[in-house]
Amino acid sequence: RNRSVRQGGSGSDRWRRSLEAAILSETNRIARALSEANIDYDLYVERGSGGLKRAEFIVYAEREEFRDIVKEHEWGPVRIKIEPSWRRKVEFTEAEEDEPRARPILVGIDPGMTVGLAIMDVRGRILEVRAMRRASKSEIIAAIVKHGYPVVVTTDASPPPKSVVRIAQIFGAKLIVFKAPMRVEEKSKIVSDVEEREGIRLSSSHERDALAPLIKVYNKKYKSLFSKADARVRELGLQVDRERLYELLIKGYTIAEAIDMVTSREVEEEEEREARPRPALRRLVRRLTERVRELEDEAEALRETLRERESELEQMRMELESIRERRVREFERDRVIAQKERRIKQLEEKVRAQEMKVELLSAELRRLASVDTEEKGWVRVKVLPRITREAVEEAVARGWLSEGDVLLTLDASPAGPKTAKLLADVGVAAVVYRAKAPSPDALEALVGEGIAVVDGRDIEVKWIGVWPFVREEVVAEAAWRAALLRESRREKDRGEVSIEEIVSEYRRTLAEAPENL
């Protein structure tokens, strides 16, 4: 049992649950140890939210047999105490009053720390109802055999405890278990009717829980069956042993078969063979009980071995699954690595092919650059895709532009006054645009810096080797117009012509340039 949990603050519930869990763990350990040692026992527990509040073992062995398995101790969260079980009275082995009566009975059992026991004969008469505190199987069996031998054992505990199953197996009785526990209201109604009819009074809920299922089974399964059998016997005018007849009906025989068996000589002979001296019957029951206990112990040991093997098998399954997952990851990693290696090889081959192509193109460029590019009537120009300040600065820094160069561009719209100043500082002679013209401000700035601007959208561009060429007259015409514009500006400075007229005139001459060439 656990320590006291009455004192404590907000953590008292947590402390209580930890104690109950410790009791559950220790109970499981003792149960396993007793099972492994093939020692028979009954276990009664009081459950709690965290595990067990209390557990009690009734061990059917001498103390020396489990001395090394269970030891008393008072330390820690769990206290273990061992007490001998004394009989409640002195028994005389040959006492006639202790001999079992040879009649069939029905037994109801409410298992637990306090066992409820109800006994009824096959005629439906209640023989005894009692509660037994901390009762062992032998004490329960002794209380039963005083009234006869059970042919039906019933309980509303589902699944039935091992102690109830063992008692039914010892006597070879039919075990009847309800699929679901009876409601308290139903039990109370059944018991109150019996108390009023029989003039008895039950003293505890354990007695009620043992008697109510027994009465329900008798009324629902056997009462009408026995009435039909009685009517058939009266119809045939027979005198038969009713208890023997009811016993056969409980065992599953039909009414006709049971009557035939009771009235036949074979049944009488069988009963004579079964009629043994009562001391011999008691010894037989004892031997059979011991044999059943041995077989149950063997079965429990085998079940424990099976559980161990299943646990080992489950562990092996988990290890195998882990190995499979690891192998799958390794295969996937190898596949990805192989795929990337193939891709790297493909890219390396492409790089080598491109390097070879670049080398061939470089050689071709060097060859074309070495070709004589001088041709009469044509002026070589340098190509700049867009005239921006950054592009011009980079070309100047590389020394690509020099004085007197003619610049061919696709887009002159980004050019501005600063770009025009850079081109003028280098000494660029003319700018030929093929697509987008410079803005008015840029045009004014370029012309103002002495750079001729040519609309090259309709002029001929000839490629010799790697260099483009335009006709000399195009550049000359543009230079002439630029000079004209500069002269107009000087006149404007003298107040003779407006700047708007000068720019308009220059634009007009640009528009007419292709027609004049």
Protein backbone atom coordinates (compact mmCIF):
# COMPACT_ATOMS: atom_id res chain seq x y z
CA ARG A 1 0.00 0.00 0.00
CA ASN A 2 1.05 3.61 -0.44
CA ARG A 3 2.07 6.33 1.96
CA SER A 4 -0.34 8.94 3.29
CA VAL A 5 -1.18 11.74 0.86
CA ARG A 6 -3.36 13.85 3.13
CA GLN A 7 -0.81 16.60 3.71
CA GLY A 8 0.37 18.76 0.86
CA GLY A 9 -0.57 21.72 -1.23
CA SER A 10 -1.37 22.02 -4.92
CA GLY A 11 1.00 19.16 -5.73
CA SER A 12 -0.75 16.60 -3.50
CA ASP A 13 -2.75 15.14 -6.41
CA ARG A 14 0.42 14.75 -8.44
CA TRP A 15 2.14 13.10 -5.46
CA ARG A 16 -0.82 10.73 -4.99
CA ARG A 17 -0.79 9.71 -8.66
CA SER A 18 2.96 9.03 -8.50
CA LEU A 19 2.40 6.76 -5.45
CA GLU A 20 -0.40 4.89 -7.23
CA ALA A 21 1.81 4.41 -10.28
CA ALA A 22 4.60 3.05 -8.05
CA ILE A 23 2.17 0.55 -6.47
CA LEU A 24 1.03 -0.59 -9.93
CA SER A 25 4.63 -1.11 -11.04
CA GLU A 26 5.54 -3.08 -7.90
CA THR A 27 2.36 -5.19 -8.21
CA ASN A 28 3.22 -6.11 -11.79
CA ARG A 29 6.75 -7.05 -10.73
CA ILE A 30 5.54 -9.36 -7.93
CA ALA A 31 2.91 -10.95 -10.20
CA ARG A 32 5.54 -11.70 -12.87
CA ALA A 33 7.93 -13.14 -10.29
CA LEU A 34 5.26 -15.42 -8.79
CA SER A 35 4.19 -16.59 -12.25
CA GLU A 36 7.77 -17.36 -13.25
CA ALA A 37 8.18 -19.38 -10.05
CA ASN A 38 4.95 -21.31 -10.82
CA ILE A 39 3.37 -20.19 -7.54
CA ASP A 40 -0.43 -19.97 -7.52
CA TYR A 41 -1.97 -16.75 -6.21
CA ASP A 42 -5.08 -14.57 -6.19
CA LEU A 43 -4.78 -10.81 -6.65
CA TYR A 44 -7.23 -8.22 -5.36
CA VAL A 45 -6.68 -4.54 -6.15
CA GLU A 46 -8.19 -1.15 -5.39
CA ARG A 47 -7.76 1.08 -8.42
CA GLY A 48 -6.94 4.79 -8.48
CA SER A 49 -6.62 7.46 -11.15
CA GLY A 50 -2.84 7.08 -11.30
CA GLY A 51 -2.64 3.28 -10.96
CA LEU A 52 -3.46 1.26 -7.82
CA LYS A 53 -4.27 2.48 -4.34
CA ARG A 54 -3.78 -0.94 -2.82
CA ALA A 55 -3.02 -4.50 -3.94
CA GLU A 56 -3.35 -7.76 -2.00
CA PHE A 57 -1.93 -11.14 -3.02
CA ILE A 58 -3.22 -14.41 -1.56
CA VAL A 59 -0.37 -16.82 -2.26
CA TYR A 60 -0.96 -20.58 -2.10
CA ALA A 61 2.51 -21.61 -0.98
CA GLU A 62 4.75 -21.78 2.07
CA ARG A 63 6.60 -18.62 2.93
CA GLU A 64 9.97 -20.27 2.23
CA GLU A 65 8.93 -20.80 -1.41
CA PHE A 66 8.64 -17.07 -2.13
CA ARG A 67 11.11 -15.73 0.41
CA ASP A 68 13.48 -14.53 -2.34
CA ILE A 69 10.68 -13.13 -4.52
CA VAL A 70 8.81 -10.88 -2.11
CA LYS A 71 10.36 -9.19 0.91
CA GLU A 72 8.83 -6.88 3.45
CA HIS A 73 10.04 -3.29 3.49
CA GLU A 74 8.84 0.04 4.89
CA TRP A 75 11.02 2.41 2.89
CA GLY A 76 10.22 4.23 -0.34
CA PRO A 77 6.77 5.13 -1.69
CA VAL A 78 5.48 1.52 -1.44
CA ARG A 79 5.13 -0.53 1.72
CA ILE A 80 5.08 -4.34 1.45
CA LYS A 81 3.75 -6.43 4.31
CA ILE A 82 3.54 -10.25 4.52
CA GLU A 83 1.04 -11.89 6.85
CA PRO A 84 0.17 -15.58 7.28
CA SER A 85 -3.41 -16.55 6.43
CA TRP A 86 -5.07 -18.29 9.35
CA ARG A 87 -8.22 -20.34 9.05
CA ARG A 88 -11.22 -18.89 10.75
CA LYS A 89 -11.97 -22.11 12.62
CA VAL A 90 -10.45 -25.44 13.49
CA GLU A 91 -11.27 -28.12 10.90
CA PHE A 92 -11.40 -31.84 11.56
CA THR A 93 -10.52 -33.81 8.47
CA GLU A 94 -13.09 -36.58 8.97
CA ALA A 95 -15.89 -34.41 10.34
CA GLU A 96 -19.20 -35.45 8.78
CA GLU A 97 -20.67 -32.00 8.98
CA ASP A 98 -17.94 -30.69 6.65
CA GLU A 99 -18.68 -33.25 3.95
CA PRO A 100 -20.10 -31.78 0.75
CA ARG A 101 -23.71 -32.48 -0.03
CA ALA A 102 -24.26 -34.35 -3.33
CA ARG A 103 -26.79 -32.06 -5.00
CA PRO A 104 -26.53 -29.59 -7.87
CA ILE A 105 -26.54 -25.91 -7.03
CA LEU A 106 -26.17 -22.53 -8.77
CA VAL A 107 -23.58 -20.04 -7.50
CA GLY A 108 -23.25 -16.29 -7.98
CA ILE A 109 -19.88 -14.63 -7.20
CA ASP A 110 -19.01 -10.94 -6.90
CA PRO A 111 -15.16 -10.94 -6.95
CA GLY A 112 -13.06 -8.35 -5.19
CA MET A 113 -11.31 -7.57 -1.94
CA THR A 114 -14.59 -8.54 -0.29
CA VAL A 115 -16.18 -11.49 -2.13
CA GLY A 116 -19.95 -11.67 -2.41
CA LEU A 117 -21.30 -15.25 -2.55
CA ALA A 118 -24.88 -16.33 -3.33
CA ILE A 119 -25.98 -20.00 -3.50
CA MET A 120 -29.28 -21.33 -4.88
CA ASP A 121 -30.56 -24.87 -5.51
CA VAL A 122 -31.96 -25.88 -8.88
CA ARG A 123 -35.50 -25.34 -7.60
CA GLY A 124 -34.80 -21.63 -7.17
CA ARG A 125 -34.52 -21.62 -3.37
CA ILE A 126 -31.85 -19.37 -1.89
CA LEU A 127 -29.55 -21.42 0.35
CA GLU A 128 -27.04 -18.78 1.46
CA VAL A 129 -25.94 -15.21 0.77
CA ARG A 130 -22.80 -13.90 2.41
CA ALA A 131 -19.83 -11.55 2.09
CA MET A 132 -16.32 -12.87 2.71
CA ARG A 133 -13.51 -10.45 3.51
CA ARG A 134 -10.12 -11.29 1.92
CA ALA A 135 -11.29 -14.79 1.03
CA SER A 136 -8.99 -17.24 -0.69
CA LYS A 137 -10.16 -19.73 -3.33
CA SER A 138 -10.06 -22.57 -0.82
CA GLU A 139 -12.35 -20.65 1.56
CA ILE A 140 -14.78 -19.85 -1.25
CA ILE A 141 -14.79 -23.49 -2.39
CA ALA A 142 -15.34 -24.68 1.18
CA ALA A 143 -18.35 -22.37 1.53
CA ILE A 144 -19.78 -23.69 -1.75
CA VAL A 145 -19.36 -27.45 -1.21
CA LYS A 146 -21.22 -27.28 2.10
CA HIS A 147 -24.38 -26.97 0.00
CA GLY A 148 -23.48 -29.21 -2.96
CA TYR A 149 -21.60 -29.09 -6.22
CA PRO A 150 -22.14 -26.13 -8.56
CA VAL A 151 -23.41 -26.73 -12.07
CA VAL A 152 -23.67 -23.00 -12.89
CA VAL A 153 -21.33 -20.19 -11.81
CA THR A 154 -22.30 -16.65 -12.76
CA THR A 155 -20.88 -13.13 -12.35
CA ASP A 156 -21.57 -9.78 -13.97
CA ALA A 157 -17.86 -8.85 -14.05
CA SER A 158 -16.76 -8.88 -17.68
CA PRO A 159 -14.26 -10.27 -18.43
CA PRO A 160 -14.51 -12.67 -15.45
CA PRO A 161 -11.55 -12.68 -13.03
CA LYS A 162 -9.20 -15.66 -13.01
CA SER A 163 -10.40 -16.72 -9.56
CA VAL A 164 -14.01 -17.10 -10.80
CA VAL A 165 -12.87 -18.96 -13.92
CA ARG A 166 -10.77 -21.35 -11.82
CA ILE A 167 -13.63 -22.13 -9.45
CA ALA A 168 -15.89 -22.95 -12.40
CA GLN A 169 -13.17 -25.13 -13.95
CA ILE A 170 -12.55 -27.03 -10.70
CA PHE A 171 -16.19 -28.18 -10.55
CA GLY A 172 -16.70 -28.43 -14.31
CA ALA A 173 -19.57 -25.96 -13.98
CA LYS A 174 -21.02 -23.80 -16.73
CA LEU A 175 -19.66 -20.23 -16.44
CA ILE A 176 -22.23 -17.58 -17.42
CA VAL A 177 -20.89 -14.04 -17.83
CA PHE A 178 -22.92 -10.97 -18.78
CA LYS A 179 -21.72 -9.04 -21.81
CA ALA A 180 -22.08 -5.80 -19.85
CA PRO A 181 -22.37 -5.22 -16.08
CA MET A 182 -25.90 -4.91 -14.72
CA ARG A 183 -27.06 -1.45 -13.72
CA VAL A 184 -27.34 -0.75 -10.01
CA GLU A 185 -31.05 0.09 -10.34
CA GLU A 186 -31.75 -3.30 -11.93
CA LYS A 187 -29.83 -5.14 -9.21
CA SER A 188 -31.60 -3.25 -6.43
CA LYS A 189 -35.06 -4.01 -7.89
CA ILE A 190 -34.35 -7.74 -8.27
CA VAL A 191 -32.93 -8.02 -4.75
CA SER A 192 -35.74 -6.00 -3.13
CA ASP A 193 -38.33 -8.34 -4.68
CA VAL A 194 -36.47 -11.35 -3.33
CA GLU A 195 -36.08 -9.82 0.13
CA GLU A 196 -39.80 -9.14 0.31
CA ARG A 197 -40.75 -12.61 -0.97
CA GLU A 198 -38.20 -14.65 1.02
CA GLY A 199 -38.20 -12.51 4.17
CA ILE A 200 -34.46 -11.98 4.14
CA ARG A 201 -32.33 -8.87 4.41
CA LEU A 202 -28.97 -8.35 2.68
CA SER A 203 -26.30 -6.48 4.58
CA SER A 204 -23.91 -5.26 1.84
CA SER A 205 -23.62 -4.34 -1.80
CA HIS A 206 -21.33 -7.35 -2.35
CA GLU A 207 -24.18 -9.73 -1.41
CA ARG A 208 -26.52 -7.82 -3.71
CA ASP A 209 -24.02 -7.95 -6.63
CA ALA A 210 -23.66 -11.73 -6.20
CA LEU A 211 -27.38 -12.54 -5.80
CA ALA A 212 -28.88 -10.29 -8.50
CA PRO A 213 -27.04 -11.89 -11.49
CA LEU A 214 -27.81 -15.36 -10.13
CA ILE A 215 -31.56 -14.67 -9.89
CA LYS A 216 -31.57 -13.03 -13.33
CA VAL A 217 -29.88 -16.06 -14.92
CA TYR A 218 -32.25 -18.50 -13.18
CA ASN A 219 -35.42 -16.60 -14.16
CA LYS A 220 -34.33 -15.90 -17.72
CA LYS A 221 -32.69 -19.19 -18.72
CA TYR A 222 -33.98 -22.02 -16.49
CA LYS A 223 -37.23 -21.25 -14.69
CA SER A 224 -39.54 -21.65 -17.69
CA LEU A 225 -37.48 -24.62 -18.92
CA PHE A 226 -37.87 -26.43 -15.62
CA SER A 227 -41.64 -25.69 -15.64
CA LYS A 228 -41.98 -27.25 -19.08
CA ALA A 229 -40.04 -30.31 -17.92
CA ASP A 230 -42.29 -30.68 -14.84
CA ALA A 231 -45.39 -30.47 -17.02
CA ARG A 232 -44.03 -33.16 -19.32
CA VAL A 233 -43.20 -35.43 -16.37
CA ARG A 234 -46.73 -35.03 -14.98
CA GLU A 235 -48.16 -35.73 -18.42
CA LEU A 236 -46.19 -38.99 -18.60
CA GLY A 237 -47.11 -39.90 -15.03
CA LEU A 238 -43.48 -40.52 -14.02
CA GLN A 239 -41.67 -40.23 -10.73
CA VAL A 240 -38.18 -38.90 -11.34
CA ASP A 241 -35.38 -37.20 -9.47
CA ARG A 242 -36.17 -33.56 -10.23
CA GLU A 243 -32.73 -32.27 -9.23
CA ARG A 244 -31.04 -34.77 -11.53
CA LEU A 245 -33.50 -33.83 -14.30
CA TYR A 246 -32.80 -30.11 -13.88
CA GLU A 247 -29.06 -30.76 -13.87
CA LEU A 248 -29.25 -32.53 -17.22
CA LEU A 249 -31.30 -29.66 -18.66
CA ILE A 250 -28.66 -27.18 -17.49
CA LYS A 251 -25.99 -29.27 -19.20
CA GLY A 252 -27.84 -28.79 -22.49
CA TYR A 253 -29.94 -31.88 -22.95
CA THR A 254 -33.47 -31.58 -24.31
CA ILE A 255 -36.45 -32.30 -22.08
CA ALA A 256 -37.09 -35.65 -23.78
CA GLU A 257 -33.44 -36.67 -23.55
CA ALA A 258 -33.18 -35.64 -19.91
CA ILE A 259 -36.36 -37.56 -18.92
CA ASP A 260 -35.16 -40.63 -20.80
CA MET A 261 -31.74 -40.48 -19.13
CA VAL A 262 -33.19 -40.02 -15.65
CA THR A 263 -35.61 -42.95 -16.02
CA SER A 264 -33.16 -45.31 -17.71
CA ARG A 265 -31.25 -47.98 -15.87
CA GLU A 266 -28.00 -46.64 -17.31
CA VAL A 267 -28.38 -43.45 -15.39
CA GLU A 268 -29.02 -45.37 -12.16
CA GLU A 269 -25.92 -47.47 -12.73
CA GLU A 270 -23.89 -44.38 -13.48
CA GLU A 271 -25.13 -42.79 -10.30
CA GLU A 272 -24.19 -45.91 -8.34
CA ARG A 273 -20.71 -45.80 -9.79
CA GLU A 274 -20.43 -42.13 -8.92
CA ALA A 275 -21.69 -42.72 -5.37
CA ARG A 276 -18.38 -42.93 -3.57
CA PRO A 277 -17.65 -42.55 0.11
CA ARG A 278 -17.63 -38.90 1.02
CA PRO A 279 -14.02 -38.84 2.31
CA ALA A 280 -12.89 -40.32 -1.00
CA LEU A 281 -14.87 -37.66 -2.86
CA ARG A 282 -13.16 -34.95 -0.84
CA ARG A 283 -9.73 -36.41 -1.57
CA LEU A 284 -10.60 -36.63 -5.24
CA VAL A 285 -11.67 -33.00 -5.28
CA ARG A 286 -8.40 -32.05 -3.56
CA ARG A 287 -6.29 -33.99 -6.08
CA LEU A 288 -8.21 -32.55 -9.00
CA THR A 289 -7.85 -29.05 -7.55
CA GLU A 290 -4.11 -29.48 -7.22
CA ARG A 291 -3.88 -30.86 -10.75
CA VAL A 292 -5.90 -27.95 -12.12
CA ARG A 293 -3.61 -25.55 -10.27
CA GLU A 294 -0.53 -27.22 -11.76
CA LEU A 295 -2.00 -27.08 -15.24
CA GLU A 296 -2.95 -23.43 -14.78
CA ASP A 297 0.57 -22.64 -13.62
CA GLU A 298 2.01 -24.42 -16.64
CA ALA A 299 -0.38 -22.57 -18.92
CA GLU A 300 0.55 -19.23 -17.33
CA ALA A 301 4.24 -20.02 -17.69
CA LEU A 302 3.70 -20.87 -21.36
CA ARG A 303 1.72 -17.68 -21.86
CA GLU A 304 4.53 -15.67 -20.27
CA THR A 305 7.05 -17.40 -22.54
CA LEU A 306 4.82 -16.63 -25.51
CA ARG A 307 4.62 -12.97 -24.48
CA GLU A 308 8.41 -12.83 -24.21
CA ARG A 309 8.79 -14.40 -27.65
CA GLU A 310 6.24 -11.98 -29.10
CA SER A 311 8.14 -9.08 -27.52
CA GLU A 312 11.41 -10.34 -28.99
CA LEU A 313 9.75 -10.83 -32.37
CA GLU A 314 8.34 -7.30 -32.27
CA GLN A 315 11.79 -5.95 -31.40
CA MET A 316 13.29 -7.86 -34.31
CA ARG A 317 10.57 -6.52 -36.61
CA MET A 318 11.39 -2.97 -35.51
CA GLU A 319 15.12 -3.56 -36.09
CA LEU A 320 14.39 -5.05 -39.52
CA GLU A 321 12.20 -2.07 -40.41
CA SER A 322 14.95 0.29 -39.27
CA ILE A 323 17.49 -1.57 -41.43
CA ARG A 324 15.13 -1.42 -44.40
CA GLU A 325 14.61 2.31 -43.97
CA ARG A 326 18.37 2.85 -43.68
CA ARG A 327 18.99 0.79 -46.83
CA VAL A 328 16.32 2.75 -48.69
CA ARG A 329 17.97 6.02 -47.65
CA GLU A 330 21.36 4.68 -48.75
CA PHE A 331 19.95 3.55 -52.11
CA GLU A 332 18.29 6.94 -52.61
CA ARG A 333 21.51 8.74 -51.71
CA ASP A 334 23.53 6.54 -54.11
CA ARG A 335 20.93 7.13 -56.83
CA VAL A 336 21.07 10.91 -56.36
CA ILE A 337 24.89 10.86 -56.31
CA ALA A 338 25.00 8.76 -59.50
CA GLN A 339 22.49 11.08 -61.14
CA LYS A 340 24.52 14.16 -60.19
CA GLU A 341 27.75 12.51 -61.37
CA ARG A 342 26.13 11.80 -64.75
CA ARG A 343 24.92 15.39 -64.90
CA ILE A 344 28.40 16.68 -64.03
CA LYS A 345 29.92 14.56 -66.82
CA GLN A 346 27.35 15.90 -69.28
CA LEU A 347 28.08 19.48 -68.25
CA GLU A 348 31.82 18.88 -68.42
CA GLU A 349 31.41 17.55 -71.96
CA LYS A 350 29.33 20.62 -72.86
CA VAL A 351 31.96 22.90 -71.32
CA ARG A 352 34.71 21.21 -73.33
CA ALA A 353 32.60 21.53 -76.48
CA GLN A 354 31.95 25.22 -75.77
CA GLU A 355 35.62 25.83 -75.00
CA MET A 356 36.52 24.23 -78.31
CA LYS A 357 33.90 26.36 -80.06
CA VAL A 358 35.21 29.50 -78.36
CA GLU A 359 38.72 28.62 -79.42
CA LEU A 360 37.59 28.15 -83.03
CA LEU A 361 35.65 31.41 -82.98
CA SER A 362 38.60 33.24 -81.41
CA ALA A 363 40.85 31.93 -84.14
CA GLU A 364 38.30 33.00 -86.74
CA LEU A 365 38.10 36.47 -85.19
CA ARG A 366 41.86 36.78 -85.18
CA ARG A 367 41.92 35.75 -88.82
CA LEU A 368 39.18 38.23 -89.77
CA ALA A 369 40.86 41.02 -87.79
CA SER A 370 44.03 40.47 -89.76
CA VAL A 371 42.23 40.90 -93.10
CA ASP A 372 42.94 44.18 -94.92
CA THR A 373 39.93 46.36 -94.07
CA GLU A 374 40.79 49.40 -96.18
CA GLU A 375 38.33 50.06 -99.02
CA LYS A 376 38.03 53.27 -101.01
CA GLY A 377 34.88 55.33 -100.42
CA TRP A 378 34.01 53.59 -97.15
CA VAL A 379 34.69 54.60 -93.53
CA ARG A 380 35.15 51.97 -90.79
CA VAL A 381 32.87 52.48 -87.78
CA LYS A 382 32.88 51.06 -84.23
CA VAL A 383 29.75 49.45 -82.77
CA LEU A 384 28.30 50.31 -79.36
CA PRO A 385 24.78 48.74 -78.81
CA ARG A 386 23.52 51.56 -76.54
CA ILE A 387 25.11 54.94 -75.93
CA THR A 388 25.09 55.27 -72.18
CA ARG A 389 27.51 57.09 -69.98
CA GLU A 390 28.70 53.85 -68.35
CA ALA A 391 29.28 52.16 -71.73
CA VAL A 392 31.23 55.16 -73.05
CA GLU A 393 33.32 55.38 -69.86
CA GLU A 394 34.18 51.68 -70.09
CA ALA A 395 35.10 51.99 -73.81
CA VAL A 396 37.33 55.00 -73.04
CA ALA A 397 38.96 53.18 -70.12
CA ARG A 398 39.80 50.23 -72.38
CA GLY A 399 41.16 52.55 -75.07
CA TRP A 400 38.64 51.27 -77.52
CA LEU A 401 37.54 54.75 -78.65
CA SER A 402 39.99 57.20 -80.15
CA GLU A 403 40.02 60.52 -81.97
CA GLY A 404 38.27 60.58 -85.34
CA ASP A 405 36.21 57.40 -84.71
CA VAL A 406 32.70 57.00 -86.13
CA LEU A 407 30.37 55.31 -83.65
CA LEU A 408 27.52 53.02 -84.87
CA THR A 409 24.75 52.32 -82.32
CA LEU A 410 21.31 50.77 -82.24
CA ASP A 411 19.96 52.98 -79.48
CA ALA A 412 21.07 56.58 -79.00
CA SER A 413 18.15 57.58 -76.75
CA PRO A 414 20.05 57.15 -73.40
CA ALA A 415 22.69 59.74 -74.44
CA GLY A 416 22.74 63.06 -72.61
CA PRO A 417 24.92 66.14 -72.23
CA LYS A 418 27.50 64.34 -70.06
CA THR A 419 27.74 61.48 -72.56
CA ALA A 420 28.15 64.00 -75.38
CA LYS A 421 30.95 65.70 -73.39
CA LEU A 422 32.73 62.31 -72.94
CA LEU A 423 32.50 61.57 -76.68
CA ALA A 424 33.77 65.04 -77.55
CA ASP A 425 36.70 64.73 -75.16
CA VAL A 426 37.79 61.50 -76.88
CA GLY A 427 37.38 63.13 -80.30
CA VAL A 428 34.57 61.02 -81.78
CA ALA A 429 33.72 62.47 -85.18
CA ALA A 430 30.19 61.17 -85.75
CA VAL A 431 27.41 59.03 -84.26
CA VAL A 432 25.26 56.84 -86.58
CA TYR A 433 22.08 55.45 -84.97
CA ARG A 434 20.16 52.54 -86.55
CA ALA A 435 17.00 52.41 -84.40
CA LYS A 436 16.28 54.98 -81.67
CA ALA A 437 17.28 58.60 -82.20
CA PRO A 438 18.75 60.75 -79.43
CA SER A 439 16.50 63.10 -77.47
CA PRO A 440 16.36 66.77 -78.48
CA ASP A 441 18.58 67.74 -75.55
CA ALA A 442 21.09 65.02 -76.42
CA LEU A 443 20.99 66.00 -80.11
CA GLU A 444 21.68 69.63 -79.21
CA ALA A 445 24.49 68.59 -76.88
CA LEU A 446 26.14 66.29 -79.47
CA VAL A 447 25.96 68.86 -82.23
CA GLY A 448 27.10 71.55 -79.83
CA GLU A 449 30.21 69.48 -79.07
CA GLY A 450 31.01 69.22 -82.77
CA ILE A 451 29.87 65.62 -83.23
CA ALA A 452 27.93 64.83 -86.39
CA VAL A 453 24.68 62.82 -85.86
CA VAL A 454 23.51 60.56 -88.72
CA ASP A 455 20.13 58.81 -89.03
CA GLY A 456 21.37 55.43 -90.20
CA ARG A 457 18.05 53.62 -90.40
CA ASP A 458 18.07 53.74 -94.19
CA ILE A 459 21.78 53.95 -95.02
CA GLU A 460 23.88 51.01 -96.20
CA VAL A 461 26.18 49.27 -93.72
CA LYS A 462 28.83 47.00 -95.24
CA TRP A 463 30.78 44.36 -93.25
CA ILE A 464 34.37 43.65 -94.20
CA GLY A 465 35.81 40.94 -91.99
CA VAL A 466 34.63 41.76 -88.48
CA TRP A 467 34.30 45.50 -89.08
CA PRO A 468 31.25 47.48 -90.29
CA PHE A 469 31.65 50.32 -92.84
CA VAL A 470 29.49 53.23 -94.02
CA ARG A 471 29.97 55.44 -97.05
CA GLU A 472 32.33 58.41 -96.74
CA GLU A 473 29.78 60.84 -98.13
CA VAL A 474 27.33 59.99 -95.31
CA VAL A 475 29.85 61.03 -92.66
CA ALA A 476 30.92 64.06 -94.69
CA GLU A 477 27.31 65.16 -95.13
CA ALA A 478 26.75 64.83 -91.39
CA ALA A 479 29.94 66.78 -90.64
CA TRP A 480 28.80 69.53 -93.00
CA ARG A 481 25.41 69.79 -91.31
CA ALA A 482 27.09 69.88 -87.88
CA ALA A 483 29.32 72.71 -89.04
CA LEU A 484 26.29 74.48 -90.44
CA LEU A 485 24.54 74.12 -87.10
CA ARG A 486 27.55 75.46 -85.22
CA GLU A 487 27.65 78.47 -87.53
CA SER A 488 23.95 79.03 -86.97
CA ARG A 489 24.56 78.96 -83.24
CA ARG A 490 27.24 81.59 -83.54
CA GLU A 491 24.81 83.73 -85.47
CA LYS A 492 22.23 83.12 -82.79
CA ASP A 493 24.76 84.30 -80.26
CA ARG A 494 24.89 87.53 -82.27
CA GLY A 495 21.07 87.70 -81.99
CA GLU A 496 20.28 87.04 -85.65
CA VAL A 497 18.60 83.50 -85.48
CA SER A 498 16.69 81.69 -82.64
CA ILE A 499 17.88 78.31 -81.29
CA GLU A 500 14.51 76.73 -82.14
CA GLU A 501 14.96 77.62 -85.78
CA ILE A 502 18.49 76.20 -85.81
CA VAL A 503 17.44 72.82 -84.32
CA SER A 504 14.38 72.60 -86.58
CA GLU A 505 16.53 73.26 -89.59
CA TYR A 506 19.01 70.60 -88.54
CA ARG A 507 16.25 68.06 -88.04
CA ARG A 508 14.91 68.85 -91.46
CA THR A 509 18.30 68.32 -93.04
CA LEU A 510 18.61 64.98 -91.21
CA ALA A 511 15.23 63.88 -92.56
CA GLU A 512 16.27 64.85 -96.09
CA ALA A 513 19.78 63.36 -95.82
CA PRO A 514 19.08 59.97 -97.45
CA GLU A 515 17.43 61.68 -100.39
CA ASN A 516 20.49 63.91 -100.94
CA LEU A 517 23.03 61.04 -100.86
